Amino acid sequence: TVQDGNIDIEFTPFYAYYNVKWRRGKEVWGYLLFNSKIVIIREKEDSTMSSFYAKNYYSIGELARYQNISKQTLIYYDRIGLFRPAYVDPHTGYRYYSPKQIDYLDTILIMKKIGFSLEEIKDHMKNYNLENSSLILKKQLHVIDEQIRELKMIRSRVQHRCVSMEEALKYRSNPIV
């Protein structure tokens, strides 16, 4: 237990996690660090009841691995205001993300993958709703279909060129007399 003025901090090691609690007056805050997942717990004490609020959070490394992106990408998205963590530890600066944010990040990554700029994504996400999102993605589907058509045409031309070159090599190595 560490005491700092009116704040008491208690670290309790358990088998697979640490329980960390701090108290300011009647308010108790704490978290469990369990296999890199952090569970934030807030207990409000009043004269009639105590209520607990708990949420699971994912570390920046876990979310990066889950989405197959770098931690630096998440830090950059936070810096530009595109995707902010749900919780930042005020003492360590560690970023934590809620499960609800995974779908939001997935939308950002899909839009980035299909050619939207980060600024376009940021604008879109500010006004995110199902109707706008559906319209924008349908327009992008048309662009993707056009790109597929062009790539098929290029593939056909390259394939034809390979066949022509192979034929030329055959004639060069076996000249007709």
Protein backbone atom coordinates (compact mmCIF):
# COMPACT_ATOMS: atom_id res chain seq x y z
CA THR A 1 0.00 0.00 0.00
CA VAL A 2 1.24 3.47 -0.94
CA GLN A 3 -0.26 6.61 0.58
CA ASP A 4 -0.02 10.00 -1.11
CA GLY A 5 -2.06 12.67 0.63
CA ASN A 6 -5.66 11.59 0.41
CA ILE A 7 -5.01 8.87 -2.17
CA ASP A 8 -4.28 5.29 -1.09
CA ILE A 9 -2.87 2.94 -3.73
CA GLU A 10 -2.86 -0.81 -3.13
CA PHE A 11 -1.06 -3.39 -5.32
CA THR A 12 -2.09 -6.98 -4.75
CA PRO A 13 -0.43 -9.73 -6.79
CA PHE A 14 -2.53 -12.78 -7.60
CA TYR A 15 -1.72 -15.88 -9.67
CA ALA A 16 -2.23 -14.49 -13.17
CA TYR A 17 -2.96 -10.82 -12.60
CA TYR A 18 -2.40 -7.77 -10.45
CA ASN A 19 -5.17 -5.98 -8.64
CA VAL A 20 -4.46 -2.25 -8.35
CA LYS A 21 -6.77 -0.01 -6.33
CA TRP A 22 -6.62 3.63 -5.45
CA ARG A 23 -8.95 5.59 -3.23
CA ARG A 24 -9.75 9.26 -3.01
CA GLY A 25 -12.23 9.96 -0.28
CA LYS A 26 -15.16 7.57 -0.68
CA GLU A 27 -14.46 6.91 -4.36
CA VAL A 28 -12.53 3.74 -5.18
CA TRP A 29 -10.92 3.22 -8.58
CA GLY A 30 -8.98 0.19 -9.61
CA TYR A 31 -8.13 -2.23 -12.33
CA LEU A 32 -7.15 -5.80 -12.85
CA LEU A 33 -4.30 -6.42 -15.24
CA PHE A 34 -4.93 -9.92 -16.58
CA ASN A 35 -3.03 -11.36 -19.56
CA SER A 36 -2.51 -7.83 -20.94
CA LYS A 37 -6.22 -7.07 -20.68
CA ILE A 38 -7.15 -4.34 -18.28
CA VAL A 39 -10.45 -4.22 -16.44
CA ILE A 40 -11.26 -0.80 -15.01
CA ILE A 41 -13.46 -0.82 -11.95
CA ARG A 42 -15.03 2.19 -10.32
CA GLU A 43 -16.91 1.89 -7.09
CA LYS A 44 -19.05 4.80 -5.94
CA GLU A 45 -20.00 4.64 -2.32
CA ASP A 46 -22.97 6.56 -1.06
CA SER A 47 -25.22 6.06 1.90
CA THR A 48 -27.69 3.81 0.09
CA MET A 49 -25.72 1.60 -2.28
CA SER A 50 -22.44 0.76 -3.95
CA SER A 51 -22.35 0.33 -7.71
CA PHE A 52 -19.57 -1.13 -9.78
CA TYR A 53 -18.75 -0.28 -13.38
CA ALA A 54 -16.39 -2.60 -15.20
CA LYS A 55 -15.22 -2.64 -18.81
CA ASN A 56 -12.75 -4.83 -20.66
CA TYR A 57 -10.05 -2.99 -22.52
CA TYR A 58 -7.46 -4.17 -25.02
CA SER A 59 -3.91 -2.88 -24.95
CA ILE A 60 -2.58 -1.12 -28.01
CA GLY A 61 -0.43 -4.18 -28.81
CA GLU A 62 -3.37 -6.56 -28.62
CA LEU A 63 -5.54 -4.39 -30.86
CA ALA A 64 -2.68 -3.94 -33.34
CA ARG A 65 -2.13 -7.71 -33.52
CA TYR A 66 -5.87 -8.38 -33.82
CA GLN A 67 -6.23 -5.95 -36.73
CA ASN A 68 -2.84 -6.82 -38.27
CA ILE A 69 -1.56 -3.24 -38.09
CA SER A 70 1.32 -1.63 -36.25
CA LYS A 71 1.10 0.08 -32.88
CA GLN A 72 2.54 3.15 -34.62
CA THR A 73 -0.52 3.24 -36.89
CA LEU A 74 -2.80 3.39 -33.85
CA ILE A 75 -0.63 6.08 -32.26
CA TYR A 76 -0.73 8.08 -35.50
CA TYR A 77 -4.53 7.70 -35.79
CA ASP A 78 -4.79 9.00 -32.21
CA ARG A 79 -2.46 11.93 -32.96
CA ILE A 80 -4.52 13.06 -35.98
CA GLY A 81 -7.82 12.54 -34.16
CA LEU A 82 -9.07 9.73 -36.38
CA PHE A 83 -9.22 6.95 -33.78
CA ARG A 84 -8.70 7.69 -30.10
CA PRO A 85 -8.30 5.14 -27.32
CA ALA A 86 -11.21 4.66 -24.94
CA TYR A 87 -8.89 5.03 -21.97
CA VAL A 88 -5.39 6.40 -21.49
CA ASP A 89 -3.70 5.61 -18.21
CA PRO A 90 -2.90 9.05 -16.75
CA HIS A 91 0.27 7.78 -15.08
CA THR A 92 1.80 5.62 -17.80
CA GLY A 93 0.22 7.04 -20.96
CA TYR A 94 -0.69 3.51 -22.07
CA ARG A 95 -3.57 3.40 -24.51
CA TYR A 96 -6.49 0.99 -24.06
CA TYR A 97 -9.34 0.28 -26.46
CA SER A 98 -12.83 -1.05 -25.79
CA PRO A 99 -14.42 -3.93 -27.70
CA LYS A 100 -16.99 -1.47 -29.07
CA GLN A 101 -14.20 0.34 -30.91
CA ILE A 102 -13.16 -2.69 -32.95
CA ASP A 103 -15.98 -2.24 -35.48
CA TYR A 104 -15.18 1.46 -35.80
CA LEU A 105 -11.50 0.69 -36.45
CA ASP A 106 -12.46 -2.05 -38.88
CA THR A 107 -14.48 0.50 -40.90
CA ILE A 108 -11.48 2.85 -40.97
CA LEU A 109 -9.16 0.07 -42.14
CA ILE A 110 -11.56 -1.11 -44.84
CA MET A 111 -11.95 2.44 -46.15
CA LYS A 112 -8.17 2.90 -46.15
CA LYS A 113 -7.66 -0.41 -47.95
CA ILE A 114 -10.10 0.48 -50.72
CA GLY A 115 -8.48 3.80 -51.47
CA PHE A 116 -9.92 6.51 -49.23
CA SER A 117 -7.46 9.07 -47.85
CA LEU A 118 -7.20 9.49 -44.09
CA GLU A 119 -8.76 12.94 -44.39
CA GLU A 120 -11.74 11.51 -46.31
CA ILE A 121 -12.10 8.77 -43.71
CA LYS A 122 -11.93 11.31 -40.88
CA ASP A 123 -14.65 13.43 -42.50
CA HIS A 124 -16.80 10.38 -43.12
CA MET A 125 -16.42 9.08 -39.56
CA LYS A 126 -17.40 12.46 -38.08
CA ASN A 127 -20.80 12.17 -39.78
CA TYR A 128 -21.06 8.39 -39.66
CA ASN A 129 -24.50 6.94 -40.17
CA LEU A 130 -25.76 3.86 -41.99
CA GLU A 131 -27.25 5.70 -44.97
CA ASN A 132 -24.14 7.77 -45.76
CA SER A 133 -21.85 4.85 -45.13
CA SER A 134 -23.84 2.59 -47.42
CA LEU A 135 -23.85 5.18 -50.24
CA ILE A 136 -20.12 5.81 -49.99
CA LEU A 137 -19.27 2.11 -49.90
CA LYS A 138 -21.55 1.37 -52.88
CA LYS A 139 -19.76 4.09 -54.88
CA GLN A 140 -16.45 2.56 -53.90
CA LEU A 141 -17.69 -0.89 -54.98
CA HIS A 142 -18.21 0.57 -58.45
CA VAL A 143 -14.62 1.89 -58.43
CA ILE A 144 -13.33 -1.51 -57.27
CA ASP A 145 -15.29 -3.29 -60.02
CA GLU A 146 -13.72 -0.94 -62.58
CA GLN A 147 -10.24 -1.63 -61.18
CA ILE A 148 -10.90 -5.40 -61.38
CA ARG A 149 -11.98 -5.02 -65.03
CA GLU A 150 -8.81 -3.06 -65.84
CA LEU A 151 -6.59 -5.57 -64.01
CA LYS A 152 -8.21 -8.47 -65.90
CA MET A 153 -7.49 -6.69 -69.17
CA ILE A 154 -3.86 -6.05 -68.14
CA ARG A 155 -3.51 -9.68 -67.04
CA SER A 156 -4.82 -10.88 -70.39
CA ARG A 157 -2.34 -8.67 -72.25
CA VAL A 158 0.59 -9.82 -70.10
CA GLN A 159 -0.44 -13.46 -70.54
CA HIS A 160 -0.68 -12.97 -74.33
CA ARG A 161 2.75 -11.31 -74.32
CA CYS A 162 4.27 -14.26 -72.39
CA VAL A 163 2.85 -16.74 -74.92
CA SER A 164 4.25 -14.65 -77.81
CA MET A 165 7.70 -14.52 -76.19
CA GLU A 166 7.70 -18.28 -75.56
CA GLU A 167 6.81 -18.89 -79.21
CA ALA A 168 9.63 -16.59 -80.33
CA LEU A 169 12.09 -18.52 -78.12
CA LYS A 170 10.96 -21.81 -79.69
CA TYR A 171 11.63 -20.51 -83.20
CA ARG A 172 14.98 -19.06 -82.19
CA SER A 173 16.20 -22.35 -80.73
CA ASN A 174 14.72 -24.52 -83.56
CA PRO A 175 15.04 -22.57 -86.81
CA ILE A 176 13.10 -23.88 -89.80
CA VAL A 177 15.39 -24.76 -92.73
